[in-house]
Amino acid sequence: MIEFTEGIYDFYVYILTNKNKTVLYTGVTNNIRRRLKEHREKKNPKSFTARYNVEFLIYYEHFGWIQLAIAREKVIKDLRRELKLDLIKSFNPDFHFLNSHFEIPTE
């Protein structure tokens, strides 16, 4: 039996949108900086996020265990759009783009 304590790892469930905030994409990653960069650079040009220019972070949750992060991602993905928007508003009421929270400052 696995006992879930605080965890020592960094996993994120996140929601991205496009510039006009019309598209929502939910994902999970162990390196949010790298993943945001991949979305911005359109590493896979045929992907959903590349086709719809989805690269702006508007919501995230941090987890110490991948099992919990994957379970939460599935819950969020199954939500109706209206409930996803309510979730985002509870965390980020003005729908600000939050990418800068994870960018590495340049000197």
PDB file of N, CA and C in Angstrom:
ATOM      1  N   MET A   1       0.842  -1.184   0.000  1.00  0.00           N
ATOM      2  CA  MET A   1       0.000   0.000   0.000  1.00  0.00           C
ATOM      3  C   MET A   1       0.885   1.245   0.000  1.00  0.00           C
ATOM      4  N   ILE A   2       0.573   2.182  -0.870  1.00  0.00           N
ATOM      5  CA  ILE A   2       1.329   3.429  -0.961  1.00  0.00           C
ATOM      6  C   ILE A   2       0.701   4.449  -0.020  1.00  0.00           C
ATOM      7  N   GLU A   3       1.522   5.043   0.801  1.00  0.00           N
ATOM      8  CA  GLU A   3       1.041   6.091   1.697  1.00  0.00           C
ATOM      9  C   GLU A   3       1.524   7.425   1.145  1.00  0.00           C
ATOM     10  N   PHE A   4       0.593   8.319   0.870  1.00  0.00           N
ATOM     11  CA  PHE A   4       0.939   9.607   0.284  1.00  0.00           C
ATOM     12  C   PHE A   4       1.210  10.632   1.372  1.00  0.00           C
ATOM     13  N   THR A   5       2.471  10.963   1.539  1.00  0.00           N
ATOM     14  CA  THR A   5       2.838  12.050   2.431  1.00  0.00           C
ATOM     15  C   THR A   5       3.060  13.277   1.556  1.00  0.00           C
ATOM     16  N   GLU A   6       3.707  14.271   2.062  1.00  0.00           N
ATOM     17  CA  GLU A   6       3.907  15.521   1.323  1.00  0.00           C
ATOM     18  C   GLU A   6       4.621  15.291  -0.008  1.00  0.00           C
ATOM     19  N   GLY A   7       5.555  14.358  -0.063  1.00  0.00           N
ATOM     20  CA  GLY A   7       6.278  14.115  -1.315  1.00  0.00           C
ATOM     21  C   GLY A   7       7.469  15.029  -1.436  1.00  0.00           C
ATOM     22  N   ILE A   8       8.436  14.574  -2.175  1.00  0.00           N
ATOM     23  CA  ILE A   8       9.674  15.346  -2.323  1.00  0.00           C
ATOM     24  C   ILE A   8       9.916  15.782  -3.755  1.00  0.00           C
ATOM     25  N   TYR A   9       8.957  15.536  -4.608  1.00  0.00           N
ATOM     26  CA  TYR A   9       9.127  15.827  -6.021  1.00  0.00           C
ATOM     27  C   TYR A   9       8.289  17.027  -6.415  1.00  0.00           C
ATOM     28  N   ASP A  10       8.505  17.487  -7.628  1.00  0.00           N
ATOM     29  CA  ASP A  10       7.741  18.616  -8.156  1.00  0.00           C
ATOM     30  C   ASP A  10       7.005  18.182  -9.410  1.00  0.00           C
ATOM     31  N   PHE A  11       5.697  18.112  -9.307  1.00  0.00           N
ATOM     32  CA  PHE A  11       4.841  17.837 -10.447  1.00  0.00           C
ATOM     33  C   PHE A  11       3.776  18.918 -10.487  1.00  0.00           C
ATOM     34  N   TYR A  12       3.398  19.295 -11.696  1.00  0.00           N
ATOM     35  CA  TYR A  12       2.407  20.348 -11.865  1.00  0.00           C
ATOM     36  C   TYR A  12       1.309  19.890 -12.806  1.00  0.00           C
ATOM     37  N   VAL A  13       0.089  20.189 -12.436  1.00  0.00           N
ATOM     38  CA  VAL A  13      -1.051  20.111 -13.340  1.00  0.00           C
ATOM     39  C   VAL A  13      -1.313  21.554 -13.735  1.00  0.00           C
ATOM     40  N   TYR A  14      -1.485  21.797 -15.022  1.00  0.00           N
ATOM     41  CA  TYR A  14      -1.591  23.184 -15.475  1.00  0.00           C
ATOM     42  C   TYR A  14      -2.651  23.312 -16.551  1.00  0.00           C
ATOM     43  N   ILE A  15      -3.132  24.537 -16.684  1.00  0.00           N
ATOM     44  CA  ILE A  15      -4.070  24.867 -17.764  1.00  0.00           C
ATOM     45  C   ILE A  15      -3.470  26.029 -18.539  1.00  0.00           C
ATOM     46  N   LEU A  16      -3.433  25.846 -19.857  1.00  0.00           N
ATOM     47  CA  LEU A  16      -2.945  26.878 -20.767  1.00  0.00           C
ATOM     48  C   LEU A  16      -4.097  27.381 -21.618  1.00  0.00           C
ATOM     49  N   THR A  17      -3.896  28.555 -22.177  1.00  0.00           N
ATOM     50  CA  THR A  17      -4.862  29.118 -23.113  1.00  0.00           C
ATOM     51  C   THR A  17      -4.112  29.814 -24.240  1.00  0.00           C
ATOM     52  N   ASN A  18      -4.860  30.325 -25.212  1.00  0.00           N
ATOM     53  CA  ASN A  18      -4.251  31.101 -26.289  1.00  0.00           C
ATOM     54  C   ASN A  18      -4.370  32.592 -25.954  1.00  0.00           C
ATOM     55  N   LYS A  19      -3.850  33.419 -26.819  1.00  0.00           N
ATOM     56  CA  LYS A  19      -3.822  34.869 -26.559  1.00  0.00           C
ATOM     57  C   LYS A  19      -5.216  35.444 -26.322  1.00  0.00           C
ATOM     58  N   ASN A  20      -6.204  34.935 -27.045  1.00  0.00           N
ATOM     59  CA  ASN A  20      -7.574  35.448 -26.914  1.00  0.00           C
ATOM     60  C   ASN A  20      -8.369  34.749 -25.820  1.00  0.00           C
ATOM     61  N   LYS A  21      -7.742  33.804 -25.146  1.00  0.00           N
ATOM     62  CA  LYS A  21      -8.352  33.077 -24.027  1.00  0.00           C
ATOM     63  C   LYS A  21      -9.613  32.321 -24.453  1.00  0.00           C
ATOM     64  N   THR A  22      -9.569  31.727 -25.637  1.00  0.00           N
ATOM     65  CA  THR A  22     -10.723  30.993 -26.157  1.00  0.00           C
ATOM     66  C   THR A  22     -10.533  29.476 -26.100  1.00  0.00           C
ATOM     67  N   VAL A  23      -9.308  29.019 -25.910  1.00  0.00           N
ATOM     68  CA  VAL A  23      -8.997  27.591 -25.902  1.00  0.00           C
ATOM     69  C   VAL A  23      -8.394  27.231 -24.549  1.00  0.00           C
ATOM     70  N   LEU A  24      -8.759  26.057 -24.022  1.00  0.00           N
ATOM     71  CA  LEU A  24      -8.180  25.574 -22.769  1.00  0.00           C
ATOM     72  C   LEU A  24      -7.488  24.235 -23.011  1.00  0.00           C
ATOM     73  N   TYR A  25      -6.300  24.077 -22.438  1.00  0.00           N
ATOM     74  CA  TYR A  25      -5.547  22.831 -22.538  1.00  0.00           C
ATOM     75  C   TYR A  25      -5.053  22.476 -21.144  1.00  0.00           C
ATOM     76  N   THR A  26      -5.263  21.238 -20.728  1.00  0.00           N
ATOM     77  CA  THR A  26      -4.818  20.776 -19.417  1.00  0.00           C
ATOM     78  C   THR A  26      -3.703  19.760 -19.599  1.00  0.00           C
ATOM     79  N   GLY A  27      -2.640  19.909 -18.815  1.00  0.00           N
ATOM     80  CA  GLY A  27      -1.519  18.980 -18.898  1.00  0.00           C
ATOM     81  C   GLY A  27      -0.895  18.735 -17.540  1.00  0.00           C
ATOM     82  N   VAL A  28       0.073  17.816 -17.519  1.00  0.00           N
ATOM     83  CA  VAL A  28       0.820  17.496 -16.307  1.00  0.00           C
ATOM     84  C   VAL A  28       2.292  17.402 -16.693  1.00  0.00           C
ATOM     85  N   THR A  29       3.172  17.839 -15.798  1.00  0.00           N
ATOM     86  CA  THR A  29       4.609  17.812 -16.088  1.00  0.00           C
ATOM     87  C   THR A  29       5.410  17.748 -14.799  1.00  0.00           C
ATOM     88  N   ASN A  30       6.642  17.304 -14.929  1.00  0.00           N
ATOM     89  CA  ASN A  30       7.559  17.331 -13.792  1.00  0.00           C
ATOM     90  C   ASN A  30       8.528  18.502 -13.901  1.00  0.00           C
ATOM     91  N   ASN A  31       8.424  19.268 -14.973  1.00  0.00           N
ATOM     92  CA  ASN A  31       9.305  20.426 -15.166  1.00  0.00           C
ATOM     93  C   ASN A  31       8.503  21.496 -15.903  1.00  0.00           C
ATOM     94  N   ILE A  32       7.866  22.348 -15.153  1.00  0.00           N
ATOM     95  CA  ILE A  32       6.945  23.314 -15.775  1.00  0.00           C
ATOM     96  C   ILE A  32       7.686  24.355 -16.619  1.00  0.00           C
ATOM     97  N   ARG A  33       8.892  24.740 -16.204  1.00  0.00           N
ATOM     98  CA  ARG A  33       9.664  25.699 -17.022  1.00  0.00           C
ATOM     99  C   ARG A  33       9.930  25.134 -18.414  1.00  0.00           C
ATOM    100  N   ARG A  34      10.429  23.900 -18.435  1.00  0.00           N
ATOM    101  CA  ARG A  34      10.743  23.255 -19.706  1.00  0.00           C
ATOM    102  C   ARG A  34       9.478  23.074 -20.538  1.00  0.00           C
ATOM    103  N   ARG A  35       8.406  22.655 -19.896  1.00  0.00           N
ATOM    104  CA  ARG A  35       7.167  22.379 -20.626  1.00  0.00           C
ATOM    105  C   ARG A  35       6.567  23.647 -21.218  1.00  0.00           C
ATOM    106  N   LEU A  36       6.593  24.735 -20.470  1.00  0.00           N
ATOM    107  CA  LEU A  36       6.092  26.007 -21.009  1.00  0.00           C
ATOM    108  C   LEU A  36       6.921  26.450 -22.213  1.00  0.00           C
ATOM    109  N   LYS A  37       8.224  26.249 -22.129  1.00  0.00           N
ATOM    110  CA  LYS A  37       9.121  26.591 -23.248  1.00  0.00           C
ATOM    111  C   LYS A  37       8.783  25.735 -24.467  1.00  0.00           C
ATOM    112  N   GLU A  38       8.535  24.450 -24.256  1.00  0.00           N
ATOM    113  CA  GLU A  38       8.171  23.573 -25.371  1.00  0.00           C
ATOM    114  C   GLU A  38       6.867  24.015 -26.020  1.00  0.00           C
ATOM    115  N   HIS A  39       5.894  24.403 -25.223  1.00  0.00           N
ATOM    116  CA  HIS A  39       4.630  24.897 -25.792  1.00  0.00           C
ATOM    117  C   HIS A  39       4.876  26.188 -26.568  1.00  0.00           C
ATOM    118  N   ARG A  40       5.652  27.096 -26.003  1.00  0.00           N
ATOM    119  CA  ARG A  40       5.929  28.379 -26.660  1.00  0.00           C
ATOM    120  C   ARG A  40       6.660  28.181 -27.988  1.00  0.00           C
ATOM    121  N   GLU A  41       7.612  27.234 -28.011  1.00  0.00           N
ATOM    122  CA  GLU A  41       8.421  26.992 -29.217  1.00  0.00           C
ATOM    123  C   GLU A  41       7.751  26.022 -30.191  1.00  0.00           C
ATOM    124  N   LYS A  42       6.581  25.524 -29.835  1.00  0.00           N
ATOM    125  CA  LYS A  42       5.824  24.605 -30.689  1.00  0.00           C
ATOM    126  C   LYS A  42       6.694  23.428 -31.132  1.00  0.00           C
ATOM    127  N   LYS A  43       7.249  22.718 -30.133  1.00  0.00           N
ATOM    128  CA  LYS A  43       8.144  21.581 -30.380  1.00  0.00           C
ATOM    129  C   LYS A  43       7.506  20.529 -31.284  1.00  0.00           C
ATOM    130  N   ASN A  44       6.215  20.338 -31.152  1.00  0.00           N
ATOM    131  CA  ASN A  44       5.494  19.403 -32.019  1.00  0.00           C
ATOM    132  C   ASN A  44       4.483  20.213 -32.824  1.00  0.00           C
ATOM    133  N   PRO A  45       4.846  20.615 -34.042  1.00  0.00           N
ATOM    134  CA  PRO A  45       3.999  21.531 -34.815  1.00  0.00           C
ATOM    135  C   PRO A  45       2.591  21.014 -35.116  1.00  0.00           C
ATOM    136  N   LYS A  46       2.383  19.712 -35.047  1.00  0.00           N
ATOM    137  CA  LYS A  46       1.061  19.157 -35.345  1.00  0.00           C
ATOM    138  C   LYS A  46       0.214  18.954 -34.090  1.00  0.00           C
ATOM    139  N   SER A  47       0.751  19.310 -32.944  1.00  0.00           N
ATOM    140  CA  SER A  47       0.028  19.110 -31.692  1.00  0.00           C
ATOM    141  C   SER A  47      -1.133  20.099 -31.567  1.00  0.00           C
ATOM    142  N   PHE A  48      -2.057  19.767 -30.684  1.00  0.00           N
ATOM    143  CA  PHE A  48      -3.198  20.639 -30.397  1.00  0.00           C
ATOM    144  C   PHE A  48      -2.727  22.025 -29.977  1.00  0.00           C
ATOM    145  N   THR A  49      -1.761  22.075 -29.064  1.00  0.00           N
ATOM    146  CA  THR A  49      -1.322  23.378 -28.544  1.00  0.00           C
ATOM    147  C   THR A  49      -0.640  24.218 -29.612  1.00  0.00           C
ATOM    148  N   ALA A  50       0.083  23.575 -30.514  1.00  0.00           N
ATOM    149  CA  ALA A  50       0.736  24.321 -31.595  1.00  0.00           C
ATOM    150  C   ALA A  50      -0.297  24.836 -32.598  1.00  0.00           C
ATOM    151  N   ARG A  51      -1.235  23.983 -32.953  1.00  0.00           N
ATOM    152  CA  ARG A  51      -2.263  24.377 -33.938  1.00  0.00           C
ATOM    153  C   ARG A  51      -3.101  25.551 -33.458  1.00  0.00           C
ATOM    154  N   TYR A  52      -3.367  25.608 -32.155  1.00  0.00           N
ATOM    155  CA  TYR A  52      -4.238  26.649 -31.610  1.00  0.00           C
ATOM    156  C   TYR A  52      -3.482  27.722 -30.827  1.00  0.00           C
ATOM    157  N   ASN A  53      -2.167  27.743 -30.972  1.00  0.00           N
ATOM    158  CA  ASN A  53      -1.318  28.754 -30.319  1.00  0.00           C
ATOM    159  C   ASN A  53      -1.568  28.839 -28.817  1.00  0.00           C
ATOM    160  N   VAL A  54      -1.624  27.691 -28.181  1.00  0.00           N
ATOM    161  CA  VAL A  54      -1.881  27.595 -26.754  1.00  0.00           C
ATOM    162  C   VAL A  54      -0.549  27.570 -26.022  1.00  0.00           C
ATOM    163  N   GLU A  55      -0.237  28.659 -25.330  1.00  0.00           N
ATOM    164  CA  GLU A  55       1.062  28.739 -24.656  1.00  0.00           C
ATOM    165  C   GLU A  55       1.037  29.580 -23.375  1.00  0.00           C
ATOM    166  N   PHE A  56      -0.117  30.097 -23.007  1.00  0.00           N
ATOM    167  CA  PHE A  56      -0.191  31.009 -21.870  1.00  0.00           C
ATOM    168  C   PHE A  56      -0.768  30.310 -20.635  1.00  0.00           C
ATOM    169  N   LEU A  57       0.015  30.277 -19.582  1.00  0.00           N
ATOM    170  CA  LEU A  57      -0.363  29.625 -18.337  1.00  0.00           C
ATOM    171  C   LEU A  57      -1.369  30.485 -17.580  1.00  0.00           C
ATOM    172  N   ILE A  58      -2.515  29.876 -17.222  1.00  0.00           N
ATOM    173  CA  ILE A  58      -3.519  30.623 -16.455  1.00  0.00           C
ATOM    174  C   ILE A  58      -3.901  29.909 -15.160  1.00  0.00           C
ATOM    175  N   TYR A  59      -3.409  28.666 -14.983  1.00  0.00           N
ATOM    176  CA  TYR A  59      -3.750  27.915 -13.773  1.00  0.00           C
ATOM    177  C   TYR A  59      -2.712  26.821 -13.573  1.00  0.00           C
ATOM    178  N   TYR A  60      -2.390  26.565 -12.293  1.00  0.00           N
ATOM    179  CA  TYR A  60      -1.528  25.417 -12.002  1.00  0.00           C
ATOM    180  C   TYR A  60      -1.733  24.967 -10.564  1.00  0.00           C
ATOM    181  N   GLU A  61      -1.414  23.707 -10.333  1.00  0.00           N
ATOM    182  CA  GLU A  61      -1.398  23.115  -9.005  1.00  0.00           C
ATOM    183  C   GLU A  61      -0.097  22.339  -8.867  1.00  0.00           C
ATOM    184  N   HIS A  62       0.483  22.363  -7.688  1.00  0.00           N
ATOM    185  CA  HIS A  62       1.741  21.661  -7.416  1.00  0.00           C
ATOM    186  C   HIS A  62       1.472  20.395  -6.618  1.00  0.00           C
ATOM    187  N   PHE A  63       2.180  19.324  -6.958  1.00  0.00           N
ATOM    188  CA  PHE A  63       2.053  18.045  -6.269  1.00  0.00           C
ATOM    189  C   PHE A  63       3.438  17.471  -5.981  1.00  0.00           C
ATOM    190  N   GLY A  64       3.534  16.707  -4.923  1.00  0.00           N
ATOM    191  CA  GLY A  64       4.782  16.035  -4.580  1.00  0.00           C
ATOM    192  C   GLY A  64       4.861  14.620  -5.110  1.00  0.00           C
ATOM    193  N   TRP A  65       3.737  14.110  -5.616  1.00  0.00           N
ATOM    194  CA  TRP A  65       3.693  12.738  -6.128  1.00  0.00           C
ATOM    195  C   TRP A  65       3.022  12.719  -7.493  1.00  0.00           C
ATOM    196  N   ILE A  66       3.615  11.994  -8.441  1.00  0.00           N
ATOM    197  CA  ILE A  66       3.065  11.929  -9.793  1.00  0.00           C
ATOM    198  C   ILE A  66       1.686  11.289  -9.817  1.00  0.00           C
ATOM    199  N   GLN A  67       1.449  10.291  -8.953  1.00  0.00           N
ATOM    200  CA  GLN A  67       0.145   9.633  -8.938  1.00  0.00           C
ATOM    201  C   GLN A  67      -0.979  10.622  -8.639  1.00  0.00           C
ATOM    202  N   LEU A  68      -0.733  11.509  -7.701  1.00  0.00           N
ATOM    203  CA  LEU A  68      -1.736  12.519  -7.349  1.00  0.00           C
ATOM    204  C   LEU A  68      -1.915  13.531  -8.475  1.00  0.00           C
ATOM    205  N   ALA A  69      -0.817  13.916  -9.110  1.00  0.00           N
ATOM    206  CA  ALA A  69      -0.892  14.878 -10.213  1.00  0.00           C
ATOM    207  C   ALA A  69      -1.671  14.300 -11.388  1.00  0.00           C
ATOM    208  N   ILE A  70      -1.405  13.056 -11.740  1.00  0.00           N
ATOM    209  CA  ILE A  70      -2.112  12.432 -12.857  1.00  0.00           C
ATOM    210  C   ILE A  70      -3.599  12.279 -12.536  1.00  0.00           C
ATOM    211  N   ALA A  71      -3.913  11.895 -11.313  1.00  0.00           N
ATOM    212  CA  ALA A  71      -5.320  11.765 -10.917  1.00  0.00           C
ATOM    213  C   ALA A  71      -6.034  13.112 -11.012  1.00  0.00           C
ATOM    214  N   ARG A  72      -5.381  14.176 -10.563  1.00  0.00           N
ATOM    215  CA  ARG A  72      -5.984  15.508 -10.619  1.00  0.00           C
ATOM    216  C   ARG A  72      -6.151  15.977 -12.066  1.00  0.00           C
ATOM    217  N   GLU A  73      -5.158  15.707 -12.906  1.00  0.00           N
ATOM    218  CA  GLU A  73      -5.251  16.075 -14.318  1.00  0.00           C
ATOM    219  C   GLU A  73      -6.485  15.423 -14.943  1.00  0.00           C
ATOM    220  N   LYS A  74      -6.708  14.154 -14.641  1.00  0.00           N
ATOM    221  CA  LYS A  74      -7.866  13.451 -15.193  1.00  0.00           C
ATOM    222  C   LYS A  74      -9.173  14.077 -14.728  1.00  0.00           C
ATOM    223  N   VAL A  75      -9.230  14.460 -13.455  1.00  0.00           N
ATOM    224  CA  VAL A  75     -10.436  15.117 -12.930  1.00  0.00           C
ATOM    225  C   VAL A  75     -10.692  16.418 -13.675  1.00  0.00           C
ATOM    226  N   ILE A  76      -9.651  17.233 -13.836  1.00  0.00           N
ATOM    227  CA  ILE A  76      -9.807  18.529 -14.512  1.00  0.00           C
ATOM    228  C   ILE A  76     -10.199  18.335 -15.973  1.00  0.00           C
ATOM    229  N   LYS A  77      -9.555  17.385 -16.648  1.00  0.00           N
ATOM    230  CA  LYS A  77      -9.882  17.149 -18.057  1.00  0.00           C
ATOM    231  C   LYS A  77     -11.330  16.725 -18.243  1.00  0.00           C
ATOM    232  N   ASP A  78     -11.893  16.048 -17.256  1.00  0.00           N
ATOM    233  CA  ASP A  78     -13.284  15.586 -17.353  1.00  0.00           C
ATOM    234  C   ASP A  78     -14.309  16.666 -17.018  1.00  0.00           C
ATOM    235  N   LEU A  79     -13.867  17.800 -16.501  1.00  0.00           N
ATOM    236  CA  LEU A  79     -14.797  18.877 -16.156  1.00  0.00           C
ATOM    237  C   LEU A  79     -15.368  19.533 -17.406  1.00  0.00           C
ATOM    238  N   ARG A  80     -16.606  19.966 -17.306  1.00  0.00           N
ATOM    239  CA  ARG A  80     -17.181  20.793 -18.367  1.00  0.00           C
ATOM    240  C   ARG A  80     -16.433  22.127 -18.394  1.00  0.00           C
ATOM    241  N   ARG A  81     -16.435  22.773 -19.533  1.00  0.00           N
ATOM    242  CA  ARG A  81     -15.716  24.040 -19.694  1.00  0.00           C
ATOM    243  C   ARG A  81     -16.104  25.048 -18.618  1.00  0.00           C
ATOM    244  N   GLU A  82     -17.384  25.154 -18.327  1.00  0.00           N
ATOM    245  CA  GLU A  82     -17.870  26.104 -17.318  1.00  0.00           C
ATOM    246  C   GLU A  82     -17.202  25.864 -15.962  1.00  0.00           C
ATOM    247  N   LEU A  83     -17.054  24.602 -15.576  1.00  0.00           N
ATOM    248  CA  LEU A  83     -16.428  24.283 -14.297  1.00  0.00           C
ATOM    249  C   LEU A  83     -14.919  24.526 -14.328  1.00  0.00           C
ATOM    250  N   LYS A  84     -14.311  24.324 -15.485  1.00  0.00           N
ATOM    251  CA  LYS A  84     -12.887  24.654 -15.624  1.00  0.00           C
ATOM    252  C   LYS A  84     -12.682  26.156 -15.447  1.00  0.00           C
ATOM    253  N   LEU A  85     -13.566  26.941 -16.046  1.00  0.00           N
ATOM    254  CA  LEU A  85     -13.471  28.391 -15.914  1.00  0.00           C
ATOM    255  C   LEU A  85     -13.662  28.822 -14.462  1.00  0.00           C
ATOM    256  N   ASP A  86     -14.584  28.181 -13.751  1.00  0.00           N
ATOM    257  CA  ASP A  86     -14.784  28.480 -12.328  1.00  0.00           C
ATOM    258  C   ASP A  86     -13.514  28.153 -11.531  1.00  0.00           C
ATOM    259  N   LEU A  87     -12.890  27.027 -11.844  1.00  0.00           N
ATOM    260  CA  LEU A  87     -11.655  26.634 -11.176  1.00  0.00           C
ATOM    261  C   LEU A  87     -10.563  27.673 -11.415  1.00  0.00           C
ATOM    262  N   ILE A  88     -10.412  28.085 -12.660  1.00  0.00           N
ATOM    263  CA  ILE A  88      -9.395  29.089 -13.007  1.00  0.00           C
ATOM    264  C   ILE A  88      -9.680  30.398 -12.276  1.00  0.00           C
ATOM    265  N   LYS A  89     -10.934  30.827 -12.276  1.00  0.00           N
ATOM    266  CA  LYS A  89     -11.308  32.089 -11.609  1.00  0.00           C
ATOM    267  C   LYS A  89     -11.023  32.053 -10.116  1.00  0.00           C
ATOM    268  N   SER A  90     -11.161  30.885  -9.496  1.00  0.00           N
ATOM    269  CA  SER A  90     -10.900  30.780  -8.059  1.00  0.00           C
ATOM    270  C   SER A  90      -9.415  30.957  -7.742  1.00  0.00           C
ATOM    271  N   PHE A  91      -8.584  30.700  -8.706  1.00  0.00           N
ATOM    272  CA  PHE A  91      -7.125  30.780  -8.543  1.00  0.00           C
ATOM    273  C   PHE A  91      -6.566  32.062  -9.155  1.00  0.00           C
ATOM    274  N   ASN A  92      -7.135  32.477 -10.261  1.00  0.00           N
ATOM    275  CA  ASN A  92      -6.621  33.585 -11.056  1.00  0.00           C
ATOM    276  C   ASN A  92      -7.821  34.370 -11.607  1.00  0.00           C
ATOM    277  N   PRO A  93      -8.479  35.171 -10.741  1.00  0.00           N
ATOM    278  CA  PRO A  93      -9.750  35.822 -11.103  1.00  0.00           C
ATOM    279  C   PRO A  93      -9.703  36.679 -12.366  1.00  0.00           C
ATOM    280  N   ASP A  94      -8.550  37.270 -12.651  1.00  0.00           N
ATOM    281  CA  ASP A  94      -8.453  38.155 -13.818  1.00  0.00           C
ATOM    282  C   ASP A  94      -7.845  37.469 -15.035  1.00  0.00           C
ATOM    283  N   PHE A  95      -7.629  36.169 -14.939  1.00  0.00           N
ATOM    284  CA  PHE A  95      -7.066  35.392 -16.042  1.00  0.00           C
ATOM    285  C   PHE A  95      -5.744  35.974 -16.550  1.00  0.00           C
ATOM    286  N   HIS A  96      -4.915  36.409 -15.627  1.00  0.00           N
ATOM    287  CA  HIS A  96      -3.582  36.894 -16.008  1.00  0.00           C
ATOM    288  C   HIS A  96      -2.761  35.735 -16.526  1.00  0.00           C
ATOM    289  N   PHE A  97      -1.848  36.026 -17.455  1.00  0.00           N
ATOM    290  CA  PHE A  97      -0.911  35.016 -17.918  1.00  0.00           C
ATOM    291  C   PHE A  97       0.173  34.883 -16.850  1.00  0.00           C
ATOM    292  N   LEU A  98       0.436  33.667 -16.414  1.00  0.00           N
ATOM    293  CA  LEU A  98       1.312  33.422 -15.278  1.00  0.00           C
ATOM    294  C   LEU A  98       2.672  32.845 -15.679  1.00  0.00           C
ATOM    295  N   ASN A  99       2.991  32.833 -16.958  1.00  0.00           N
ATOM    296  CA  ASN A  99       4.250  32.257 -17.422  1.00  0.00           C
ATOM    297  C   ASN A  99       5.452  32.859 -16.719  1.00  0.00           C
ATOM    298  N   SER A 100       5.393  34.140 -16.421  1.00  0.00           N
ATOM    299  CA  SER A 100       6.539  34.822 -15.806  1.00  0.00           C
ATOM    300  C   SER A 100       6.874  34.259 -14.430  1.00  0.00           C
ATOM    301  N   HIS A 101       5.935  33.576 -13.789  1.00  0.00           N
ATOM    302  CA  HIS A 101       6.203  32.971 -12.482  1.00  0.00           C
ATOM    303  C   HIS A 101       7.226  31.851 -12.591  1.00  0.00           C
ATOM    304  N   PHE A 102       7.408  31.315 -13.803  1.00  0.00           N
ATOM    305  CA  PHE A 102       8.297  30.173 -13.987  1.00  0.00           C
ATOM    306  C   PHE A 102       9.439  30.437 -14.943  1.00  0.00           C
ATOM    307  N   GLU A 103       9.574  31.671 -15.392  1.00  0.00           N
ATOM    308  CA  GLU A 103      10.686  32.000 -16.279  1.00  0.00           C
ATOM    309  C   GLU A 103      11.944  32.237 -15.458  1.00  0.00           C
ATOM    310  N   ILE A 104      13.058  31.815 -16.011  1.00  0.00           N
ATOM    311  CA  ILE A 104      14.345  32.041 -15.359  1.00  0.00           C
ATOM    312  C   ILE A 104      14.802  33.446 -15.739  1.00  0.00           C
ATOM    313  N   PRO A 105      15.070  34.300 -14.748  1.00  0.00           N
ATOM    314  CA  PRO A 105      15.497  35.677 -15.071  1.00  0.00           C
ATOM    315  C   PRO A 105      16.829  35.670 -15.814  1.00  0.00           C
ATOM    316  N   THR A 106      16.920  36.552 -16.802  1.00  0.00           N
ATOM    317  CA  THR A 106      18.177  36.699 -17.530  1.00  0.00           C
ATOM    318  C   THR A 106      18.953  37.863 -16.941  1.00  0.00           C
ATOM    319  N   GLU A 107      20.246  37.758 -17.001  1.00  0.00           N
ATOM    320  CA  GLU A 107      21.092  38.831 -16.427  1.00  0.00           C
ATOM    321  C   GLU A 107      21.356  39.919 -17.411  1.00  0.00           C
TER     322      GLU A 107
END
